[in-house]
Amino acid sequence: MDHKTGIVHAIKGEGRSKSEELAEALEAGKPVVITTLQTFPHVVEHAKKLPERDYAVVVDEAHSSQSGEMAHEMKQILSGLDLPDDADAEDAIAQAAETRGNQENLSFFAFTATPKGKTLQAFGHSVDGEDPEPFHLYSMKQAIEEGFILDVLQNYTTYETFYGIAKAIEEDPEVPEKKAVKAVSKYLKLHPHNISQKVEIIVEHFREHTSKKIGGKAKAMIVTSSRKAAVRYKKAIDEYTDEQGYDLGTLVAFSGTVEDGGIEYTEEGMNDGIKESELPSVFDTPEHRVLVVADKYQTGFDQPRLHTMYVDKRLSGIQAVQTLSRLNRRYAGKDDTFVLDFENDHEDIREAFEPYYEKTTLDGKTDPQHIYQLEAELDAFRIYREEEVDRFAEAFFDPSNTGTEGAHAKLSSLVQPARHQFKTATVEKQDEFISKLRSFLRLYKFQSQIVNYADEELEKLYTFGRFLYKELPRSGGSSVEFDDEPHSSTTDWKRTRRKHRPRTVWERCLLTERYWNRIV
């Protein structure tokens, strides 16, 4: 809207109070004024006379601002109704009641991702006496499908599921010992209040998985149940990382002063002097990767590199949606998110998201052995041959190909035999293969954030299948779309061939992600 000078006036309070500036803007008849609700109660102190005109009030985050006396005073000011000098308390009450209703010169337009009942009551519309509904709904599901936000439920897992997957794969007698899973941690059955056990799992998971995401820039948030819990988490993380020699860059956020064990703690003190107002910008720096919170930064906090959330707090309803949605911001190289929940169950989270999602995709049933079943079923289609998968993987991970001209064309040529074989199959077989391949890619990507499959064949098939998926034609002739990018730890299967790869594992992870971004 701000394409023409003088149309939009943002209230900044430079050189004067914001309320003075707002009063002048309204008196001058500025077409569009941007301000905060808190500025309105003081406008009447400075306004000589507001022009008689129609006002459209556009409210962002309506659920948090359109209740209480400040919203009422804004209506009263804009309505143009004045109390006579001899008005008594009864007159004031009558006018207050009048201004709380609809005003002919006021129209309100409210935006919110998580409307409460009161919000719908105030701003929604009712058809044939039914409960109020939004005038327009842009659902979370639609926003995900159109690429504006990420689906935070796609890789949501409870600790029970996390533990089950890790243990089942780790103890699988069919997996040869040389391919046994490298455990992220001990995967202990947790005591409900044992923060030290949870800290070990969180730190090791972050280092092994999250830290490699978004080209090594990913951050994590730990959501705790109380201010005292936040203090204890910060202390436990510092102690564990010191013992292990890790550099994690952990910050904590809580209000006021917390006494624990006879010692008083403050946010600023535990963050080495970082002021509360500086915390978001400091957390944005590369040196700080983990933020422990207690009732702060769970609504409205915008940190696009936030990839993983560890939840140790009961969540329900709007609070659950708002908290987990801190992860949904898009960022270059950020193609997924991950939630490890120690406290809640799948059904509660699914129910919390349902009203805002339209249709949730959360499924609490995960069979850790299903990935091997899908691998076998894909092989049985005979769409591709083992040697084709091997040749593709060799080319994909060959550092000499990185950044060279024709790299994409070479990889594309290596999946063409499989693509041709796919085109010769029946439509029914094509549909089934696409469905199985998509399930394999999604499941492998999800489970690889829990454990490291030291399985060369799975890793190669994931790499080959990810590229093939984009090359497969639909029945109508167009290519299939797959909205997930490959995870950044796709080099595990090559660790036994270090003589051909004179790089560290970390460098190879970064190389893989940069290489994939270029060829895509």
Protein backbone atom coordinates (compact mmCIF):
# COMPACT_ATOMS: atom_id res chain seq x y z
CA MET A 1 0.00 0.00 0.00
CA ASP A 2 2.91 2.34 0.66
CA HIS A 3 3.63 2.97 -3.01
CA LYS A 4 2.63 6.64 -2.90
CA THR A 5 4.07 9.17 -0.47
CA GLY A 6 1.60 10.35 2.17
CA ILE A 7 -0.83 7.41 1.97
CA VAL A 8 0.52 5.41 4.92
CA HIS A 9 1.53 7.04 8.19
CA ALA A 10 3.19 4.83 10.81
CA ILE A 11 3.09 6.16 14.38
CA LYS A 12 6.66 6.10 15.68
CA GLY A 13 6.64 8.85 18.30
CA GLU A 14 9.83 10.47 17.04
CA GLY A 15 10.37 13.76 18.90
CA ARG A 16 6.96 13.61 20.62
CA SER A 17 4.62 11.13 22.24
CA LYS A 18 2.95 8.51 20.09
CA SER A 19 -0.47 9.62 21.27
CA GLU A 20 0.25 13.20 20.12
CA GLU A 21 1.41 11.96 16.73
CA LEU A 22 -1.65 9.69 16.41
CA ALA A 23 -4.02 12.54 17.26
CA GLU A 24 -2.40 14.77 14.62
CA ALA A 25 -2.59 12.02 11.99
CA LEU A 26 -6.30 11.44 12.66
CA GLU A 27 -7.06 15.17 12.70
CA ALA A 28 -5.19 15.61 9.41
CA GLY A 29 -7.22 12.83 7.84
CA LYS A 30 -4.28 10.58 6.95
CA PRO A 31 -5.70 7.78 4.77
CA VAL A 32 -3.87 4.88 6.48
CA VAL A 33 -2.52 5.06 10.02
CA ILE A 34 -0.49 2.27 11.64
CA THR A 35 -0.42 2.22 15.44
CA THR A 36 -0.69 0.04 18.52
CA LEU A 37 -3.81 -0.36 20.58
CA GLN A 38 -2.00 0.93 23.67
CA THR A 39 -1.65 4.37 22.07
CA PHE A 40 -5.40 4.99 21.77
CA PRO A 41 -6.48 5.67 25.39
CA HIS A 42 -4.30 8.80 25.46
CA VAL A 43 -5.36 10.22 22.08
CA VAL A 44 -8.31 12.10 23.52
CA GLU A 45 -5.88 14.10 25.68
CA HIS A 46 -4.32 15.62 22.56
CA ALA A 47 -7.03 15.58 19.92
CA LYS A 48 -8.82 18.88 19.39
CA LYS A 49 -11.54 17.41 17.21
CA LEU A 50 -11.56 14.28 15.14
CA PRO A 51 -13.06 14.69 11.67
CA GLU A 52 -16.48 13.18 11.11
CA ARG A 53 -15.67 10.32 8.78
CA ASP A 54 -15.91 6.58 8.41
CA TYR A 55 -13.12 4.48 9.89
CA ALA A 56 -11.98 1.00 8.94
CA VAL A 57 -10.00 -0.56 11.79
CA VAL A 58 -7.75 -3.43 10.69
CA VAL A 59 -6.67 -5.52 13.67
CA ASP A 60 -3.80 -8.00 13.59
CA GLU A 61 -3.79 -10.88 16.11
CA ALA A 62 -7.37 -10.07 17.09
CA HIS A 63 -7.57 -12.69 19.82
CA SER A 64 -5.00 -10.89 21.97
CA SER A 65 -6.07 -7.27 21.58
CA GLN A 66 -9.81 -6.80 21.14
CA SER A 67 -10.94 -7.18 24.71
CA GLY A 68 -10.69 -4.99 27.75
CA GLU A 69 -10.91 -1.27 28.27
CA MET A 70 -8.33 -0.21 25.68
CA ALA A 71 -10.40 -1.64 22.83
CA HIS A 72 -13.50 0.00 24.32
CA GLU A 73 -11.78 3.39 24.55
CA MET A 74 -10.66 3.14 20.93
CA LYS A 75 -14.30 2.62 19.87
CA GLN A 76 -15.40 5.51 22.03
CA ILE A 77 -12.79 7.88 20.57
CA LEU A 78 -13.46 6.99 16.94
CA SER A 79 -17.25 7.01 17.33
CA GLY A 80 -17.15 10.77 17.88
CA LEU A 81 -19.54 10.61 20.86
CA ASP A 82 -18.74 13.10 23.60
CA LEU A 83 -20.05 13.34 27.15
CA PRO A 84 -21.57 16.70 28.14
CA ASP A 85 -19.74 18.71 30.81
CA ASP A 86 -22.51 18.04 33.36
CA ALA A 87 -22.66 14.31 32.68
CA ASP A 88 -22.79 12.07 35.72
CA ALA A 89 -21.77 8.46 36.28
CA GLU A 90 -25.05 7.16 34.88
CA ASP A 91 -24.48 9.08 31.63
CA ALA A 92 -20.99 7.64 31.36
CA ILE A 93 -22.28 4.11 31.87
CA ALA A 94 -24.99 4.57 29.24
CA GLN A 95 -22.50 5.91 26.68
CA ALA A 96 -20.05 3.12 27.45
CA ALA A 97 -22.78 0.59 26.73
CA GLU A 98 -23.65 2.41 23.49
CA THR A 99 -20.07 2.59 22.24
CA ARG A 100 -19.54 -1.10 22.95
CA GLY A 101 -22.09 -1.88 20.27
CA ASN A 102 -21.84 -1.38 16.51
CA GLN A 103 -21.14 2.16 15.31
CA GLU A 104 -22.29 3.37 11.90
CA ASN A 105 -18.94 4.99 11.16
CA LEU A 106 -16.74 2.10 12.36
CA SER A 107 -15.90 -1.14 10.56
CA PHE A 108 -13.56 -3.67 12.14
CA PHE A 109 -11.53 -6.24 10.19
CA ALA A 110 -9.68 -8.74 12.38
CA PHE A 111 -6.98 -11.24 11.43
CA THR A 112 -5.87 -14.15 13.58
CA ALA A 113 -4.52 -17.65 13.04
CA THR A 114 -6.07 -18.99 16.25
CA PRO A 115 -9.47 -17.37 16.89
CA LYS A 116 -10.99 -17.82 20.32
CA GLY A 117 -14.73 -18.04 20.93
CA LYS A 118 -14.86 -14.40 22.04
CA THR A 119 -13.11 -13.32 18.86
CA LEU A 120 -15.63 -15.11 16.65
CA GLN A 121 -18.45 -13.69 18.74
CA ALA A 122 -17.17 -10.15 18.22
CA PHE A 123 -16.03 -10.33 14.60
CA GLY A 124 -17.68 -13.36 13.02
CA HIS A 125 -21.06 -13.68 11.34
CA SER A 126 -23.91 -16.04 12.08
CA VAL A 127 -26.07 -17.74 9.46
CA ASP A 128 -29.60 -18.76 10.47
CA GLY A 129 -28.80 -18.47 14.16
CA GLU A 130 -25.86 -20.86 14.03
CA ASP A 131 -22.63 -20.28 15.96
CA PRO A 132 -20.56 -17.36 14.58
CA GLU A 133 -18.12 -18.25 11.81
CA PRO A 134 -15.22 -16.36 10.21
CA PHE A 135 -16.12 -14.25 7.18
CA HIS A 136 -13.18 -15.87 5.42
CA LEU A 137 -10.95 -18.81 6.30
CA TYR A 138 -7.43 -19.28 4.99
CA SER A 139 -6.66 -22.57 6.69
CA MET A 140 -3.36 -23.83 8.02
CA LYS A 141 -3.65 -26.75 5.62
CA GLN A 142 -4.02 -24.41 2.63
CA ALA A 143 -1.10 -22.26 3.78
CA ILE A 144 1.06 -25.40 4.02
CA GLU A 145 -0.01 -26.65 0.60
CA GLU A 146 0.70 -23.27 -0.98
CA GLY A 147 4.16 -23.12 0.56
CA PHE A 148 3.77 -20.21 2.98
CA ILE A 149 4.44 -22.20 6.16
CA LEU A 150 5.81 -25.63 7.08
CA ASP A 151 3.76 -28.48 8.53
CA VAL A 152 4.95 -28.77 12.15
CA LEU A 153 3.00 -32.00 12.66
CA GLN A 154 4.70 -33.92 9.87
CA ASN A 155 7.64 -34.88 12.11
CA TYR A 156 5.94 -34.60 15.49
CA THR A 157 6.77 -37.49 17.79
CA THR A 158 6.19 -38.27 21.43
CA TYR A 159 9.04 -39.61 23.52
CA GLU A 160 7.25 -42.96 23.73
CA THR A 161 7.37 -43.25 19.94
CA PHE A 162 10.92 -41.88 19.81
CA TYR A 163 12.07 -44.43 22.36
CA GLY A 164 10.23 -47.28 20.62
CA ILE A 165 11.70 -46.58 17.20
CA ALA A 166 15.24 -46.26 18.51
CA LYS A 167 15.09 -49.42 20.61
CA ALA A 168 13.35 -51.54 17.99
CA ILE A 169 15.88 -50.71 15.29
CA GLU A 170 18.81 -50.94 17.69
CA GLU A 171 17.75 -54.43 18.79
CA ASP A 172 16.63 -55.73 15.40
CA PRO A 173 18.26 -59.19 14.98
CA GLU A 174 17.88 -58.93 11.20
CA VAL A 175 20.20 -55.93 10.96
CA PRO A 176 23.83 -57.08 10.74
CA GLU A 177 26.04 -55.90 13.56
CA LYS A 178 28.18 -53.82 11.22
CA LYS A 179 25.02 -51.94 10.20
CA ALA A 180 23.66 -51.57 13.71
CA VAL A 181 22.19 -48.21 14.59
CA LYS A 182 24.46 -45.68 16.19
CA ALA A 183 22.37 -44.60 19.17
CA VAL A 184 21.92 -40.88 19.66
CA SER A 185 21.79 -41.46 23.41
CA LYS A 186 20.95 -44.20 25.88
CA TYR A 187 17.22 -43.92 25.12
CA LEU A 188 16.41 -44.41 28.76
CA LYS A 189 12.94 -45.02 30.09
CA LEU A 190 12.59 -41.67 31.75
CA HIS A 191 11.69 -40.88 35.30
CA PRO A 192 8.98 -38.19 35.02
CA HIS A 193 11.07 -35.58 36.82
CA ASN A 194 14.56 -36.56 35.75
CA ILE A 195 15.72 -33.49 33.88
CA SER A 196 19.29 -34.77 33.54
CA GLN A 197 18.13 -37.77 31.49
CA LYS A 198 16.08 -35.55 29.22
CA VAL A 199 18.97 -33.13 28.84
CA GLU A 200 21.26 -35.92 27.65
CA ILE A 201 18.73 -37.00 25.03
CA ILE A 202 18.05 -33.41 23.93
CA VAL A 203 21.70 -32.40 23.63
CA GLU A 204 22.78 -35.54 21.82
CA HIS A 205 19.81 -35.41 19.46
CA PHE A 206 20.50 -31.77 18.69
CA ARG A 207 24.17 -32.42 17.97
CA GLU A 208 23.57 -35.53 15.89
CA HIS A 209 20.57 -34.34 13.89
CA THR A 210 19.27 -30.79 14.34
CA SER A 211 22.68 -29.07 14.24
CA LYS A 212 23.18 -30.30 10.67
CA LYS A 213 19.88 -28.90 9.40
CA ILE A 214 19.53 -25.67 7.39
CA GLY A 215 23.16 -25.87 6.32
CA GLY A 216 24.32 -26.07 9.91
CA LYS A 217 22.29 -23.02 11.03
CA ALA A 218 19.31 -24.74 12.69
CA LYS A 219 18.22 -23.74 16.18
CA ALA A 220 16.08 -25.44 18.83
CA MET A 221 13.70 -24.42 21.60
CA ILE A 222 13.09 -26.30 24.86
CA VAL A 223 9.62 -25.58 26.27
CA THR A 224 9.51 -26.12 30.03
CA SER A 225 6.60 -26.27 32.48
CA SER A 226 7.71 -23.53 34.90
CA ARG A 227 10.31 -20.86 35.57
CA LYS A 228 12.05 -23.14 38.05
CA ALA A 229 12.14 -25.93 35.46
CA ALA A 230 13.71 -23.51 32.95
CA VAL A 231 16.41 -22.63 35.47
CA ARG A 232 17.15 -26.30 36.15
CA TYR A 233 17.22 -27.14 32.43
CA LYS A 234 19.73 -24.36 31.75
CA LYS A 235 21.94 -25.48 34.63
CA ALA A 236 21.73 -29.15 33.59
CA ILE A 237 22.57 -28.37 29.96
CA ASP A 238 25.57 -26.26 30.98
CA GLU A 239 26.82 -29.02 33.28
CA TYR A 240 26.37 -31.77 30.67
CA THR A 241 27.96 -29.81 27.81
CA ASP A 242 30.91 -28.85 30.05
CA GLU A 243 31.44 -32.52 30.95
CA GLN A 244 31.31 -33.56 27.30
CA GLY A 245 33.32 -30.64 25.99
CA TYR A 246 30.48 -29.42 23.76
CA ASP A 247 29.90 -25.82 22.71
CA LEU A 248 26.13 -25.45 22.38
CA GLY A 249 25.42 -21.76 22.99
CA THR A 250 22.33 -22.09 25.21
CA LEU A 251 20.14 -19.19 26.38
CA VAL A 252 17.21 -19.17 28.82
CA ALA A 253 14.09 -16.98 28.96
CA PHE A 254 11.88 -16.49 32.01
CA SER A 255 10.44 -13.51 33.84
CA GLY A 256 11.34 -12.14 37.27
CA THR A 257 13.53 -13.82 39.87
CA VAL A 258 13.50 -17.54 40.64
CA GLU A 259 14.76 -19.00 43.91
CA ASP A 260 16.02 -22.55 43.75
CA GLY A 261 18.10 -24.25 46.42
CA GLY A 262 18.58 -21.01 48.29
CA ILE A 263 20.01 -19.22 45.23
CA GLU A 264 18.25 -16.51 43.25
CA TYR A 265 18.37 -16.65 39.46
CA THR A 266 17.41 -14.08 36.82
CA GLU A 267 17.24 -14.38 33.05
CA GLU A 268 19.93 -11.73 32.58
CA GLY A 269 22.20 -13.32 35.17
CA MET A 270 21.97 -16.81 33.64
CA ASN A 271 22.57 -15.36 30.16
CA ASP A 272 25.84 -13.68 31.14
CA GLY A 273 24.45 -10.18 31.25
CA ILE A 274 22.33 -10.24 28.07
CA LYS A 275 19.36 -7.93 28.62
CA GLU A 276 15.82 -9.17 28.10
CA SER A 277 15.27 -6.78 25.18
CA GLU A 278 18.45 -8.04 23.50
CA LEU A 279 17.68 -11.75 23.79
CA PRO A 280 15.88 -12.25 20.43
CA SER A 281 18.67 -10.54 18.48
CA VAL A 282 21.39 -12.42 20.39
CA PHE A 283 19.62 -15.74 19.78
CA ASP A 284 19.64 -14.84 16.08
CA THR A 285 23.45 -15.00 16.01
CA PRO A 286 25.28 -18.18 14.88
CA GLU A 287 26.87 -18.68 18.31
CA HIS A 288 23.56 -19.39 20.07
CA ARG A 289 21.67 -22.50 19.03
CA VAL A 290 19.30 -23.51 21.87
CA LEU A 291 16.72 -21.42 23.76
CA VAL A 292 15.11 -22.71 26.99
CA VAL A 293 11.78 -20.96 27.67
CA ALA A 294 9.13 -20.76 30.39
CA ASP A 295 5.95 -18.97 29.28
CA LYS A 296 7.91 -16.68 26.96
CA TYR A 297 8.51 -16.71 23.20
CA GLN A 298 5.69 -19.23 22.67
CA THR A 299 3.46 -16.77 20.81
CA GLY A 300 4.48 -14.27 18.15
CA PHE A 301 8.18 -15.18 18.30
CA ASP A 302 9.57 -15.15 14.77
CA GLN A 303 12.87 -17.00 14.38
CA PRO A 304 12.85 -18.70 10.95
CA ARG A 305 15.91 -20.86 11.69
CA LEU A 306 14.06 -22.50 14.59
CA HIS A 307 13.85 -26.11 13.41
CA THR A 308 13.39 -28.38 16.43
CA MET A 309 11.31 -28.13 19.59
CA TYR A 310 11.68 -30.25 22.72
CA VAL A 311 8.46 -30.06 24.75
CA ASP A 312 8.39 -30.81 28.48
CA LYS A 313 5.09 -29.12 29.32
CA ARG A 314 1.43 -30.01 29.07
CA LEU A 315 -0.07 -28.27 26.06
CA SER A 316 -3.68 -28.10 24.91
CA GLY A 317 -5.97 -26.09 22.67
CA ILE A 318 -4.74 -22.79 21.27
CA GLN A 319 -1.62 -22.90 23.45
CA ALA A 320 -0.48 -26.11 21.73
CA VAL A 321 -1.06 -24.65 18.27
CA GLN A 322 0.66 -21.37 19.02
CA THR A 323 3.64 -23.03 20.71
CA LEU A 324 4.40 -25.63 18.02
CA SER A 325 3.78 -23.04 15.30
CA ARG A 326 6.98 -21.23 16.33
CA LEU A 327 8.63 -23.76 14.00
CA ASN A 328 6.54 -23.16 10.89
CA ARG A 329 8.46 -20.20 9.40
CA ARG A 330 10.11 -20.88 6.08
CA TYR A 331 13.80 -20.21 5.49
CA ALA A 332 16.23 -20.97 2.68
CA GLY A 333 17.32 -24.59 3.12
CA LYS A 334 14.69 -25.31 5.77
CA ASP A 335 12.51 -28.08 4.41
CA ASP A 336 11.15 -29.71 7.55
CA THR A 337 10.78 -29.38 11.33
CA PHE A 338 10.98 -31.79 14.25
CA VAL A 339 9.16 -31.99 17.59
CA LEU A 340 10.14 -34.33 20.42
CA ASP A 341 7.42 -34.22 23.07
CA PHE A 342 8.10 -35.69 26.51
CA GLU A 343 4.76 -34.74 28.02
CA ASN A 344 1.80 -34.84 25.60
CA ASP A 345 0.26 -37.54 23.44
CA HIS A 346 -0.61 -37.60 19.74
CA GLU A 347 -4.35 -37.47 20.23
CA ASP A 348 -4.29 -34.33 22.38
CA ILE A 349 -2.10 -32.49 19.87
CA ARG A 350 -4.21 -33.68 16.93
CA GLU A 351 -7.38 -32.41 18.61
CA ALA A 352 -5.72 -29.07 19.38
CA PHE A 353 -4.79 -28.50 15.74
CA GLU A 354 -8.00 -29.82 14.19
CA PRO A 355 -10.08 -26.59 14.35
CA TYR A 356 -7.38 -24.55 12.62
CA TYR A 357 -5.91 -27.18 10.31
CA GLU A 358 -9.06 -28.44 8.52
CA LYS A 359 -7.48 -31.89 8.40
CA THR A 360 -4.49 -32.90 10.48
CA THR A 361 -1.90 -35.35 9.23
CA LEU A 362 -0.69 -36.47 12.64
CA ASP A 363 -0.52 -40.21 13.14
CA GLY A 364 0.75 -41.68 16.37
CA LYS A 365 1.35 -45.15 14.95
CA THR A 366 4.90 -45.63 13.69
CA ASP A 367 6.35 -49.06 13.04
CA PRO A 368 10.15 -48.79 13.05
CA GLN A 369 10.42 -51.89 10.83
CA HIS A 370 8.04 -50.51 8.23
CA ILE A 371 10.91 -48.79 6.40
CA TYR A 372 12.43 -52.19 5.53
CA GLN A 373 9.06 -53.50 4.41
CA LEU A 374 8.65 -50.50 2.08
CA GLU A 375 12.16 -51.04 0.73
CA ALA A 376 11.31 -54.65 -0.15
CA GLU A 377 7.98 -53.66 -1.72
CA LEU A 378 9.66 -51.01 -3.87
CA ASP A 379 12.29 -53.49 -5.04
CA ALA A 380 9.51 -55.93 -5.98
CA PHE A 381 8.08 -53.50 -8.57
CA ARG A 382 11.27 -53.97 -10.64
CA ILE A 383 11.05 -50.36 -11.78
CA TYR A 384 14.76 -49.88 -11.01
CA ARG A 385 17.74 -52.18 -10.72
CA GLU A 386 20.25 -52.29 -7.88
CA GLU A 387 23.15 -51.29 -10.13
CA GLU A 388 21.21 -48.20 -11.26
CA VAL A 389 20.78 -47.11 -7.66
CA ASP A 390 24.49 -47.70 -6.99
CA ARG A 391 25.62 -45.67 -10.03
CA PHE A 392 23.35 -42.78 -9.09
CA ALA A 393 24.58 -42.70 -5.49
CA GLU A 394 28.21 -42.78 -6.61
CA ALA A 395 27.62 -39.81 -8.92
CA PHE A 396 25.52 -37.89 -6.41
CA PHE A 397 28.12 -38.08 -3.62
CA ASP A 398 31.17 -37.68 -5.86
CA PRO A 399 32.72 -34.32 -4.81
CA SER A 400 34.32 -33.89 -8.24
CA ASN A 401 30.82 -33.37 -9.67
CA THR A 402 29.96 -30.57 -7.26
CA GLY A 403 29.27 -27.35 -9.11
CA THR A 404 30.25 -28.77 -12.50
CA GLU A 405 28.31 -28.04 -15.65
CA GLY A 406 25.92 -30.79 -16.54
CA ALA A 407 25.75 -32.27 -13.03
CA HIS A 408 21.96 -32.19 -13.04
CA ALA A 409 21.81 -33.63 -16.56
CA LYS A 410 24.11 -36.49 -15.54
CA LEU A 411 21.99 -37.38 -12.53
CA SER A 412 18.85 -37.11 -14.61
CA SER A 413 20.26 -39.50 -17.19
CA LEU A 414 20.98 -42.06 -14.47
CA VAL A 415 17.31 -42.27 -13.46
CA GLN A 416 16.00 -42.41 -17.04
CA PRO A 417 16.05 -46.24 -17.26
CA ALA A 418 13.82 -46.41 -14.17
CA ARG A 419 11.61 -43.63 -15.56
CA HIS A 420 11.23 -45.55 -18.85
CA GLN A 421 10.39 -48.76 -16.98
CA PHE A 422 7.82 -46.84 -14.95
CA LYS A 423 6.15 -45.51 -18.13
CA THR A 424 5.70 -49.05 -19.47
CA ALA A 425 3.77 -50.15 -16.35
CA THR A 426 0.01 -50.07 -16.03
CA VAL A 427 -1.64 -46.98 -14.54
CA GLU A 428 -2.58 -48.97 -11.45
CA LYS A 429 1.01 -50.13 -10.96
CA GLN A 430 2.29 -46.58 -11.50
CA ASP A 431 -0.04 -45.18 -8.86
CA GLU A 432 0.91 -47.87 -6.37
CA PHE A 433 4.63 -47.37 -6.97
CA ILE A 434 4.35 -43.61 -6.52
CA SER A 435 2.42 -44.11 -3.29
CA LYS A 436 4.98 -46.58 -1.90
CA LEU A 437 7.93 -44.41 -2.93
CA ARG A 438 6.42 -41.33 -1.33
CA SER A 439 5.77 -43.26 1.89
CA PHE A 440 9.35 -44.54 1.89
CA LEU A 441 10.84 -41.06 1.39
CA ARG A 442 8.72 -39.48 4.11
CA LEU A 443 9.22 -42.29 6.62
CA TYR A 444 12.97 -42.50 6.08
CA LYS A 445 13.33 -38.77 6.44
CA PHE A 446 11.29 -38.76 9.65
CA GLN A 447 12.97 -41.76 11.30
CA SER A 448 16.45 -40.59 10.31
CA GLN A 449 15.87 -37.62 12.63
CA ILE A 450 15.56 -40.08 15.50
CA VAL A 451 18.33 -42.56 14.74
CA ASN A 452 21.17 -42.87 12.27
CA TYR A 453 20.60 -45.77 9.93
CA ALA A 454 24.08 -47.08 9.32
CA ASP A 455 22.53 -48.86 6.37
CA GLU A 456 24.13 -48.21 3.00
CA GLU A 457 21.27 -49.65 0.96
CA LEU A 458 18.58 -47.53 2.64
CA GLU A 459 20.65 -44.37 2.22
CA LYS A 460 21.32 -45.04 -1.45
CA LEU A 461 17.69 -45.86 -2.18
CA TYR A 462 16.56 -42.67 -0.43
CA THR A 463 18.99 -40.58 -2.50
CA PHE A 464 18.01 -42.28 -5.77
CA GLY A 465 14.28 -42.31 -4.95
CA ARG A 466 14.24 -38.63 -4.00
CA PHE A 467 15.54 -37.67 -7.46
CA LEU A 468 13.47 -40.24 -9.33
CA TYR A 469 10.27 -39.03 -7.66
CA LYS A 470 10.58 -35.63 -9.34
CA GLU A 471 11.26 -37.23 -12.70
CA LEU A 472 8.28 -39.57 -12.77
CA PRO A 473 5.46 -38.54 -15.14
CA ARG A 474 1.88 -38.38 -13.99
CA SER A 475 -0.80 -40.20 -15.88
CA GLY A 476 -1.60 -36.84 -17.53
CA GLY A 477 1.99 -36.41 -18.69
CA SER A 478 3.34 -33.94 -16.10
CA SER A 479 5.93 -34.70 -13.45
CA VAL A 480 5.15 -35.68 -9.87
CA GLU A 481 5.69 -33.06 -7.18
CA PHE A 482 7.33 -33.92 -3.87
CA ASP A 483 7.58 -31.05 -1.42
CA ASP A 484 10.28 -32.39 0.90
CA GLU A 485 13.97 -31.75 0.36
CA PRO A 486 16.56 -34.38 1.31
CA HIS A 487 17.83 -34.28 4.87
CA SER A 488 21.32 -33.01 5.40
CA SER A 489 22.81 -36.20 6.83
CA THR A 490 22.73 -38.29 3.68
CA THR A 491 26.41 -39.14 3.80
CA ASP A 492 26.36 -41.77 6.57
CA TRP A 493 26.50 -44.66 4.13
CA LYS A 494 29.82 -43.42 2.73
CA ARG A 495 31.63 -43.25 6.05
CA THR A 496 33.37 -46.57 5.35
CA ARG A 497 35.00 -45.09 2.23
CA ARG A 498 36.92 -42.18 3.74
CA LYS A 499 39.95 -42.80 1.48
CA HIS A 500 37.83 -41.59 -1.45
CA ARG A 501 36.40 -38.69 0.55
CA PRO A 502 39.16 -36.67 2.26
CA ARG A 503 36.58 -34.58 4.17
CA THR A 504 35.10 -34.64 7.65
CA VAL A 505 31.57 -35.92 8.10
CA TRP A 506 30.47 -32.36 8.89
CA GLU A 507 31.99 -31.00 5.66
CA ARG A 508 30.32 -33.75 3.67
CA CYS A 509 26.94 -32.91 5.21
CA LEU A 510 27.32 -29.27 4.20
CA LEU A 511 28.56 -30.31 0.76
CA THR A 512 25.55 -32.55 0.21
CA GLU A 513 23.08 -29.83 1.11
CA ARG A 514 24.78 -27.15 -0.99
CA TYR A 515 25.10 -29.57 -3.91
CA TRP A 516 21.46 -30.59 -3.75
CA ASN A 517 20.26 -26.99 -3.57
CA ARG A 518 22.24 -26.20 -6.71
CA ILE A 519 21.05 -29.11 -8.81
CA VAL A 520 17.40 -28.70 -7.79
